[in-house]
PDB file of N, CA and C in Angstrom:
ATOM      1  N   UNK A   1     116.930  62.172  85.523  1.00  0.00           N
ATOM      2  CA  UNK A   1     116.160  63.206  86.338  1.00  0.00           C
ATOM      3  C   UNK A   1     117.111  63.641  87.465  1.00  0.00           C
ATOM      4  N   UNK A   2     117.131  64.970  87.818  1.00  0.00           N
ATOM      5  CA  UNK A   2     118.048  65.483  88.668  1.00  0.00           C
ATOM      6  C   UNK A   2     117.879  65.310  90.097  1.00  0.00           C
ATOM      7  N   UNK A   3     116.793  64.704  90.547  1.00  0.00           N
ATOM      8  CA  UNK A   3     116.599  64.418  92.006  1.00  0.00           C
ATOM      9  C   UNK A   3     115.464  65.253  92.565  1.00  0.00           C
ATOM     10  N   UNK A   4     114.620  65.934  91.776  1.00  0.00           N
ATOM     11  CA  UNK A   4     113.419  66.568  92.199  1.00  0.00           C
ATOM     12  C   UNK A   4     113.647  68.023  92.426  1.00  0.00           C
ATOM     13  N   UNK A   5     112.616  68.457  93.106  1.00  0.00           N
ATOM     14  CA  UNK A   5     112.684  69.993  93.356  1.00  0.00           C
ATOM     15  C   UNK A   5     111.795  70.212  94.644  1.00  0.00           C
ATOM     16  N   UNK A   6     112.090  71.326  95.280  1.00  0.00           N
ATOM     17  CA  UNK A   6     111.264  71.665  96.382  1.00  0.00           C
ATOM     18  C   UNK A   6     110.842  73.108  96.335  1.00  0.00           C
ATOM     19  N   UNK A   7     109.823  73.463  97.078  1.00  0.00           N
ATOM     20  CA  UNK A   7     109.348  74.820  97.134  1.00  0.00           C
ATOM     21  C   UNK A   7     109.131  75.140  98.613  1.00  0.00           C
ATOM     22  N   UNK A   8     109.908  76.078  99.127  1.00  0.00           N
ATOM     23  CA  UNK A   8     109.836  76.481 100.470  1.00  0.00           C
ATOM     24  C   UNK A   8     108.453  77.282 100.694  1.00  0.00           C
ATOM     25  N   UNK A   9     107.581  76.725 101.497  1.00  0.00           N
ATOM     26  CA  UNK A   9     106.273  77.421 101.735  1.00  0.00           C
ATOM     27  C   UNK A   9     106.468  78.903 102.309  1.00  0.00           C
ATOM     28  N   UNK A  10     107.542  79.046 103.062  1.00  0.00           N
ATOM     29  CA  UNK A  10     107.828  80.303 103.665  1.00  0.00           C
ATOM     30  C   UNK A  10     108.174  81.270 102.595  1.00  0.00           C
ATOM     31  N   UNK A  11     108.992  80.883 101.689  1.00  0.00           N
ATOM     32  CA  UNK A  11     109.388  81.720 100.621  1.00  0.00           C
ATOM     33  C   UNK A  11     108.169  82.108  99.689  1.00  0.00           C
ATOM     34  N   UNK A  12     107.413  81.111  99.437  1.00  0.00           N
ATOM     35  CA  UNK A  12     106.132  81.341  98.625  1.00  0.00           C
ATOM     36  C   UNK A  12     105.276  82.443  99.318  1.00  0.00           C
ATOM     37  N   UNK A  13     105.014  82.164 100.759  1.00  0.00           N
ATOM     38  CA  UNK A  13     104.189  83.235 101.391  1.00  0.00           C
ATOM     39  C   UNK A  13     104.842  84.593 101.401  1.00  0.00           C
ATOM     40  N   UNK A  14     106.161  84.597 101.569  1.00  0.00           N
ATOM     41  CA  UNK A  14     106.842  85.972 101.622  1.00  0.00           C
ATOM     42  C   UNK A  14     106.728  86.562 100.256  1.00  0.00           C
ATOM     43  N   UNK A  15     106.877  85.864  99.179  1.00  0.00           N
ATOM     44  CA  UNK A  15     106.726  86.401  97.803  1.00  0.00           C
ATOM     45  C   UNK A  15     105.344  87.003  97.640  1.00  0.00           C
ATOM     46  N   UNK A  16     104.295  86.191  97.981  1.00  0.00           N
ATOM     47  CA  UNK A  16     102.897  86.783  97.990  1.00  0.00           C
ATOM     48  C   UNK A  16     102.754  88.008  98.722  1.00  0.00           C
ATOM     49  N   UNK A  17     103.317  88.003  99.908  1.00  0.00           N
ATOM     50  CA  UNK A  17     103.252  89.170 100.793  1.00  0.00           C
ATOM     51  C   UNK A  17     103.930  90.429 100.179  1.00  0.00           C
ATOM     52  N   UNK A  18     105.080  90.181  99.574  1.00  0.00           N
ATOM     53  CA  UNK A  18     105.772  91.289  98.984  1.00  0.00           C
ATOM     54  C   UNK A  18     104.889  91.791  97.869  1.00  0.00           C
ATOM     55  N   UNK A  19     104.308  91.011  97.066  1.00  0.00           N
ATOM     56  CA  UNK A  19     103.471  91.485  96.001  1.00  0.00           C
ATOM     57  C   UNK A  19     102.234  92.150  96.481  1.00  0.00           C
ATOM     58  N   UNK A  20     101.587  91.714  97.507  1.00  0.00           N
ATOM     59  CA  UNK A  20     100.445  92.387  98.091  1.00  0.00           C
ATOM     60  C   UNK A  20     100.882  93.797  98.638  1.00  0.00           C
ATOM     61  N   UNK A  21     101.912  93.904  99.287  1.00  0.00           N
ATOM     62  CA  UNK A  21     102.439  95.091  99.832  1.00  0.00           C
ATOM     63  C   UNK A  21     102.654  96.097  98.755  1.00  0.00           C
ATOM     64  N   UNK A  22     103.218  95.653  97.649  1.00  0.00           N
ATOM     65  CA  UNK A  22     103.437  96.530  96.431  1.00  0.00           C
ATOM     66  C   UNK A  22     102.181  96.978  95.903  1.00  0.00           C
ATOM     67  N   UNK A  23     101.189  96.033  95.776  1.00  0.00           N
ATOM     68  CA  UNK A  23      99.904  96.430  95.207  1.00  0.00           C
ATOM     69  C   UNK A  23      99.202  97.449  96.149  1.00  0.00           C
ATOM     70  N   UNK A  24      99.297  97.270  97.471  1.00  0.00           N
ATOM     71  CA  UNK A  24      98.643  98.230  98.388  1.00  0.00           C
ATOM     72  C   UNK A  24      99.323  99.615  98.304  1.00  0.00           C
ATOM     73  N   UNK A  25     100.660  99.598  98.134  1.00  0.00           N
ATOM     74  CA  UNK A  25     101.352 100.916  97.972  1.00  0.00           C
ATOM     75  C   UNK A  25     100.904 101.646  96.720  1.00  0.00           C
ATOM     76  N   UNK A  26     100.726 100.873  95.649  1.00  0.00           N
ATOM     77  CA  UNK A  26     100.432 101.541  94.450  1.00  0.00           C
ATOM     78  C   UNK A  26      98.913 102.004  94.521  1.00  0.00           C
ATOM     79  N   UNK A  27      98.117 101.229  95.200  1.00  0.00           N
ATOM     80  CA  UNK A  27      96.670 101.607  95.304  1.00  0.00           C
ATOM     81  C   UNK A  27      96.427 102.815  96.167  1.00  0.00           C
ATOM     82  N   UNK A  28      97.374 102.900  97.224  1.00  0.00           N
ATOM     83  CA  UNK A  28      97.146 104.091  98.086  1.00  0.00           C
ATOM     84  C   UNK A  28      97.500 105.398  97.466  1.00  0.00           C
ATOM     85  N   UNK A  29      98.243 105.307  96.441  1.00  0.00           N
ATOM     86  CA  UNK A  29      98.598 106.565  95.635  1.00  0.00           C
ATOM     87  C   UNK A  29      97.543 106.852  94.522  1.00  0.00           C
ATOM     88  N   UNK A  30      96.320 106.303  94.640  1.00  0.00           N
ATOM     89  CA  UNK A  30      95.372 106.281  93.529  1.00  0.00           C
ATOM     90  C   UNK A  30      94.614 107.520  93.142  1.00  0.00           C
ATOM     91  N   UNK A  31      94.938 108.552  93.840  1.00  0.00           N
ATOM     92  CA  UNK A  31      94.207 109.844  93.460  1.00  0.00           C
ATOM     93  C   UNK A  31      95.123 110.722  92.682  1.00  0.00           C
ATOM     94  N   UNK A  32      94.591 111.330  91.669  1.00  0.00           N
ATOM     95  CA  UNK A  32      95.242 112.164  90.724  1.00  0.00           C
ATOM     96  C   UNK A  32      95.553 113.477  91.551  1.00  0.00           C
ATOM     97  N   UNK A  33      96.809 113.882  91.626  1.00  0.00           N
ATOM     98  CA  UNK A  33      97.115 115.222  92.240  1.00  0.00           C
ATOM     99  C   UNK A  33      96.625 116.277  91.372  1.00  0.00           C
ATOM    100  N   UNK A  34      96.480 117.438  91.984  1.00  0.00           N
ATOM    101  CA  UNK A  34      96.101 118.669  91.059  1.00  0.00           C
ATOM    102  C   UNK A  34      97.152 118.923  90.065  1.00  0.00           C
ATOM    103  N   UNK A  35      96.665 119.414  88.905  1.00  0.00           N
ATOM    104  CA  UNK A  35      97.655 119.657  87.808  1.00  0.00           C
ATOM    105  C   UNK A  35      98.544 120.804  88.307  1.00  0.00           C
ATOM    106  N   UNK A  36      99.844 120.675  88.013  1.00  0.00           N
ATOM    107  CA  UNK A  36     100.885 121.725  88.346  1.00  0.00           C
ATOM    108  C   UNK A  36     100.643 122.955  87.559  1.00  0.00           C
ATOM    109  N   UNK A  37     101.032 124.099  88.023  1.00  0.00           N
ATOM    110  CA  UNK A  37     100.977 125.310  87.320  1.00  0.00           C
ATOM    111  C   UNK A  37     102.068 125.362  86.275  1.00  0.00           C
ATOM    112  N   UNK A  38     101.746 124.863  84.997  1.00  0.00           N
ATOM    113  CA  UNK A  38     102.787 124.713  83.945  1.00  0.00           C
ATOM    114  C   UNK A  38     102.452 125.579  82.714  1.00  0.00           C
ATOM    115  N   UNK A  39     101.918 126.641  83.063  1.00  0.00           N
ATOM    116  CA  UNK A  39     101.604 127.641  81.995  1.00  0.00           C
ATOM    117  C   UNK A  39     100.644 126.988  80.963  1.00  0.00           C
ATOM    118  N   UNK A  40     101.026 127.079  79.711  1.00  0.00           N
ATOM    119  CA  UNK A  40     100.291 126.636  78.643  1.00  0.00           C
ATOM    120  C   UNK A  40     100.130 125.097  78.617  1.00  0.00           C
ATOM    121  N   UNK A  41     101.074 124.487  79.352  1.00  0.00           N
ATOM    122  CA  UNK A  41     101.014 122.981  79.338  1.00  0.00           C
ATOM    123  C   UNK A  41     100.268 122.475  80.616  1.00  0.00           C
ATOM    124  N   UNK A  42      99.590 123.337  81.386  1.00  0.00           N
ATOM    125  CA  UNK A  42      98.923 122.830  82.639  1.00  0.00           C
ATOM    126  C   UNK A  42      97.893 121.668  82.276  1.00  0.00           C
ATOM    127  N   UNK A  43      97.065 121.897  81.261  1.00  0.00           N
ATOM    128  CA  UNK A  43      96.068 120.827  80.928  1.00  0.00           C
ATOM    129  C   UNK A  43      96.781 119.610  80.528  1.00  0.00           C
ATOM    130  N   UNK A  44      97.761 119.649  79.693  1.00  0.00           N
ATOM    131  CA  UNK A  44      98.544 118.521  79.178  1.00  0.00           C
ATOM    132  C   UNK A  44      99.132 117.760  80.395  1.00  0.00           C
ATOM    133  N   UNK A  45      99.793 118.561  81.370  1.00  0.00           N
ATOM    134  CA  UNK A  45     100.446 117.857  82.419  1.00  0.00           C
ATOM    135  C   UNK A  45      99.362 117.226  83.358  1.00  0.00           C
ATOM    136  N   UNK A  46      98.227 117.868  83.544  1.00  0.00           N
ATOM    137  CA  UNK A  46      97.056 117.261  84.253  1.00  0.00           C
ATOM    138  C   UNK A  46      96.684 115.903  83.697  1.00  0.00           C
ATOM    139  N   UNK A  47      96.510 115.868  82.363  1.00  0.00           N
ATOM    140  CA  UNK A  47      96.187 114.673  81.668  1.00  0.00           C
ATOM    141  C   UNK A  47      97.234 113.591  81.817  1.00  0.00           C
ATOM    142  N   UNK A  48      98.496 113.936  81.683  1.00  0.00           N
ATOM    143  CA  UNK A  48      99.566 112.967  81.800  1.00  0.00           C
ATOM    144  C   UNK A  48      99.546 112.415  83.246  1.00  0.00           C
ATOM    145  N   UNK A  49      99.442 113.227  84.304  1.00  0.00           N
ATOM    146  CA  UNK A  49      99.350 112.774  85.690  1.00  0.00           C
ATOM    147  C   UNK A  49      98.188 111.822  85.832  1.00  0.00           C
ATOM    148  N   UNK A  50      97.011 112.153  85.271  1.00  0.00           N
ATOM    149  CA  UNK A  50      95.866 111.305  85.370  1.00  0.00           C
ATOM    150  C   UNK A  50      96.141 109.950  84.738  1.00  0.00           C
ATOM    151  N   UNK A  51      96.773 109.980  83.572  1.00  0.00           N
ATOM    152  CA  UNK A  51      97.105 108.627  82.941  1.00  0.00           C
ATOM    153  C   UNK A  51      98.062 107.804  83.737  1.00  0.00           C
ATOM    154  N   UNK A  52      98.984 108.466  84.398  1.00  0.00           N
ATOM    155  CA  UNK A  52     100.014 107.809  85.199  1.00  0.00           C
ATOM    156  C   UNK A  52      99.302 107.180  86.465  1.00  0.00           C
ATOM    157  N   UNK A  53      98.338 107.869  86.982  1.00  0.00           N
ATOM    158  CA  UNK A  53      97.743 107.261  88.190  1.00  0.00           C
ATOM    159  C   UNK A  53      96.755 106.044  87.743  1.00  0.00           C
ATOM    160  N   UNK A  54      96.176 106.226  86.620  1.00  0.00           N
ATOM    161  CA  UNK A  54      95.354 105.112  86.105  1.00  0.00           C
ATOM    162  C   UNK A  54      96.240 103.968  85.786  1.00  0.00           C
ATOM    163  N   UNK A  55      97.438 104.146  85.178  1.00  0.00           N
ATOM    164  CA  UNK A  55      98.348 103.070  84.944  1.00  0.00           C
ATOM    165  C   UNK A  55      98.793 102.393  86.271  1.00  0.00           C
ATOM    166  N   UNK A  56      99.072 103.195  87.158  1.00  0.00           N
ATOM    167  CA  UNK A  56      99.422 102.632  88.614  1.00  0.00           C
ATOM    168  C   UNK A  56      98.288 101.679  89.147  1.00  0.00           C
ATOM    169  N   UNK A  57      97.013 102.175  88.908  1.00  0.00           N
ATOM    170  CA  UNK A  57      95.873 101.398  89.398  1.00  0.00           C
ATOM    171  C   UNK A  57      95.872 100.074  88.589  1.00  0.00           C
ATOM    172  N   UNK A  58      96.102 100.039  87.394  1.00  0.00           N
ATOM    173  CA  UNK A  58      96.133  98.755  86.533  1.00  0.00           C
ATOM    174  C   UNK A  58      97.307  97.903  87.102  1.00  0.00           C
ATOM    175  N   UNK A  59      98.400  98.496  87.360  1.00  0.00           N
ATOM    176  CA  UNK A  59      99.520  97.751  87.859  1.00  0.00           C
ATOM    177  C   UNK A  59      99.227  97.141  89.182  1.00  0.00           C
ATOM    178  N   UNK A  60      98.581  97.946  90.001  1.00  0.00           N
ATOM    179  CA  UNK A  60      98.167  97.458  91.320  1.00  0.00           C
ATOM    180  C   UNK A  60      97.253  96.236  91.210  1.00  0.00           C
ATOM    181  N   UNK A  61      96.311  96.249  90.324  1.00  0.00           N
ATOM    182  CA  UNK A  61      95.426  95.150  90.155  1.00  0.00           C
ATOM    183  C   UNK A  61      96.042  93.960  89.555  1.00  0.00           C
ATOM    184  N   UNK A  62      97.031  94.143  88.642  1.00  0.00           N
ATOM    185  CA  UNK A  62      97.811  92.962  88.138  1.00  0.00           C
ATOM    186  C   UNK A  62      98.709  92.406  89.305  1.00  0.00           C
ATOM    187  N   UNK A  63      99.322  93.281  90.082  1.00  0.00           N
ATOM    188  CA  UNK A  63     100.239  92.827  91.170  1.00  0.00           C
ATOM    189  C   UNK A  63      99.415  92.092  92.193  1.00  0.00           C
ATOM    190  N   UNK A  64      98.248  92.535  92.550  1.00  0.00           N
ATOM    191  CA  UNK A  64      97.365  91.859  93.411  1.00  0.00           C
ATOM    192  C   UNK A  64      96.946  90.463  92.906  1.00  0.00           C
ATOM    193  N   UNK A  65      96.650  90.377  91.648  1.00  0.00           N
ATOM    194  CA  UNK A  65      96.273  89.167  91.089  1.00  0.00           C
ATOM    195  C   UNK A  65      97.475  88.147  91.015  1.00  0.00           C
ATOM    196  N   UNK A  66      98.684  88.720  90.809  1.00  0.00           N
ATOM    197  CA  UNK A  66      99.828  87.841  90.867  1.00  0.00           C
ATOM    198  C   UNK A  66     100.044  87.286  92.301  1.00  0.00           C
ATOM    199  N   UNK A  67      99.825  88.161  93.367  1.00  0.00           N
ATOM    200  CA  UNK A  67      99.993  87.735  94.734  1.00  0.00           C
ATOM    201  C   UNK A  67      99.042  86.655  95.029  1.00  0.00           C
ATOM    202  N   UNK A  68      97.795  86.755  94.544  1.00  0.00           N
ATOM    203  CA  UNK A  68      96.779  85.683  94.731  1.00  0.00           C
ATOM    204  C   UNK A  68      97.201  84.463  94.024  1.00  0.00           C
ATOM    205  N   UNK A  69      97.737  84.492  92.812  1.00  0.00           N
ATOM    206  CA  UNK A  69      98.139  83.310  92.154  1.00  0.00           C
ATOM    207  C   UNK A  69      99.323  82.624  92.750  1.00  0.00           C
ATOM    208  N   UNK A  70     100.262  83.401  93.333  1.00  0.00           N
ATOM    209  CA  UNK A  70     101.439  82.741  94.010  1.00  0.00           C
ATOM    210  C   UNK A  70     101.007  82.068  95.247  1.00  0.00           C
ATOM    211  N   UNK A  71     100.078  82.729  96.086  1.00  0.00           N
ATOM    212  CA  UNK A  71      99.534  82.089  97.270  1.00  0.00           C
ATOM    213  C   UNK A  71      98.830  80.849  96.945  1.00  0.00           C
ATOM    214  N   UNK A  72      97.996  80.910  95.918  1.00  0.00           N
ATOM    215  CA  UNK A  72      97.069  79.678  95.554  1.00  0.00           C
ATOM    216  C   UNK A  72      98.102  78.572  95.020  1.00  0.00           C
ATOM    217  N   UNK A  73      99.041  79.020  94.262  1.00  0.00           N
ATOM    218  CA  UNK A  73     100.027  77.936  93.731  1.00  0.00           C
ATOM    219  C   UNK A  73     100.775  77.281  94.927  1.00  0.00           C
ATOM    220  N   UNK A  74     101.108  78.164  95.947  1.00  0.00           N
ATOM    221  CA  UNK A  74     101.685  77.619  97.100  1.00  0.00           C
ATOM    222  C   UNK A  74     100.850  76.555  97.817  1.00  0.00           C
ATOM    223  N   UNK A  75      99.559  76.879  98.015  1.00  0.00           N
ATOM    224  CA  UNK A  75      98.573  76.012  98.683  1.00  0.00           C
ATOM    225  C   UNK A  75      98.511  74.700  97.863  1.00  0.00           C
ATOM    226  N   UNK A  76      98.314  74.939  96.497  1.00  0.00           N
ATOM    227  CA  UNK A  76      98.072  73.724  95.650  1.00  0.00           C
ATOM    228  C   UNK A  76      99.415  72.764  95.830  1.00  0.00           C
ATOM    229  N   UNK A  77     100.560  73.401  95.804  1.00  0.00           N
ATOM    230  CA  UNK A  77     101.864  72.655  95.873  1.00  0.00           C
ATOM    231  C   UNK A  77     101.828  71.845  97.158  1.00  0.00           C
ATOM    232  N   UNK A  78     101.502  72.605  98.294  1.00  0.00           N
ATOM    233  CA  UNK A  78     101.580  71.964  99.632  1.00  0.00           C
ATOM    234  C   UNK A  78     100.614  70.830  99.706  1.00  0.00           C
ATOM    235  N   UNK A  79      99.384  70.978  99.157  1.00  0.00           N
ATOM    236  CA  UNK A  79      98.400  69.936  99.142  1.00  0.00           C
ATOM    237  C   UNK A  79      98.792  68.745  98.339  1.00  0.00           C
ATOM    238  N   UNK A  80      99.405  68.943  97.158  1.00  0.00           N
ATOM    239  CA  UNK A  80      99.859  67.880  96.352  1.00  0.00           C
ATOM    240  C   UNK A  80     101.017  67.155  97.071  1.00  0.00           C
ATOM    241  N   UNK A  81     101.896  67.850  97.603  1.00  0.00           N
ATOM    242  CA  UNK A  81     103.082  67.352  98.355  1.00  0.00           C
ATOM    243  C   UNK A  81     102.539  66.418  99.432  1.00  0.00           C
ATOM    244  N   UNK A  82     101.661  66.943 100.322  1.00  0.00           N
ATOM    245  CA  UNK A  82     101.031  66.073 101.384  1.00  0.00           C
ATOM    246  C   UNK A  82     100.359  64.899 100.921  1.00  0.00           C
ATOM    247  N   UNK A  83      99.614  65.047  99.777  1.00  0.00           N
ATOM    248  CA  UNK A  83      98.852  63.870  99.264  1.00  0.00           C
ATOM    249  C   UNK A  83      99.857  62.791  98.752  1.00  0.00           C
ATOM    250  N   UNK A  84     100.992  63.324  98.242  1.00  0.00           N
ATOM    251  CA  UNK A  84     102.000  62.320  97.667  1.00  0.00           C
ATOM    252  C   UNK A  84     102.656  61.594  98.857  1.00  0.00           C
ATOM    253  N   UNK A  85     102.948  62.360  99.924  1.00  0.00           N
ATOM    254  CA  UNK A  85     103.533  61.753 101.186  1.00  0.00           C
ATOM    255  C   UNK A  85     102.547  60.663 101.768  1.00  0.00           C
ATOM    256  N   UNK A  86     101.277  61.071 101.813  1.00  0.00           N
ATOM    257  CA  UNK A  86     100.205  60.116 102.398  1.00  0.00           C
ATOM    258  C   UNK A  86     100.122  58.821 101.568  1.00  0.00           C
ATOM    259  N   UNK A  87     100.409  58.956 100.258  1.00  0.00           N
ATOM    260  CA  UNK A  87     100.242  57.839  99.370  1.00  0.00           C
ATOM    261  C   UNK A  87     101.374  56.825  99.430  1.00  0.00           C
ATOM    262  N   UNK A  88     102.457  57.215  99.994  1.00  0.00           N
ATOM    263  CA  UNK A  88     103.655  56.357 100.110  1.00  0.00           C
ATOM    264  C   UNK A  88     103.570  55.386 101.203  1.00  0.00           C
ATOM    265  N   UNK A  89     103.984  54.094 101.000  1.00  0.00           N
ATOM    266  CA  UNK A  89     103.894  53.155 102.066  1.00  0.00           C
ATOM    267  C   UNK A  89     104.617  53.574 103.249  1.00  0.00           C
ATOM    268  N   UNK A  90     104.246  53.291 104.419  1.00  0.00           N
ATOM    269  CA  UNK A  90     104.864  53.562 105.625  1.00  0.00           C
ATOM    270  C   UNK A  90     106.054  52.655 105.914  1.00  0.00           C
ATOM    271  N   UNK A  91     107.274  53.127 106.188  1.00  0.00           N
ATOM    272  CA  UNK A  91     108.373  52.165 106.394  1.00  0.00           C
ATOM    273  C   UNK A  91     108.645  52.312 107.938  1.00  0.00           C
ATOM    274  N   UNK A  92     108.824  51.205 108.524  1.00  0.00           N
ATOM    275  CA  UNK A  92     109.117  51.154 109.952  1.00  0.00           C
ATOM    276  C   UNK A  92     110.466  50.627 110.250  1.00  0.00           C
TER     277      UNK A  92
END
């Protein structure tokens, strides 16, 4: 065994925060802009833009879920680490 591993709670929280910020940025752009004047392709361009906005919404949802999972994983890790510390005999 290599000597264990650690997880810095600050890094975990920062990672969750970065993911949440990214999700919020994607979500804030959630309205489809008007279709550009593209002549015969105006309808197609509007459809493409709508699909891109919908995809960004899905990405936002997934990123938000990832942020929640990272934060929950950090809490679980901290609780397990604390429980392990509490179970060790006290050395004086």
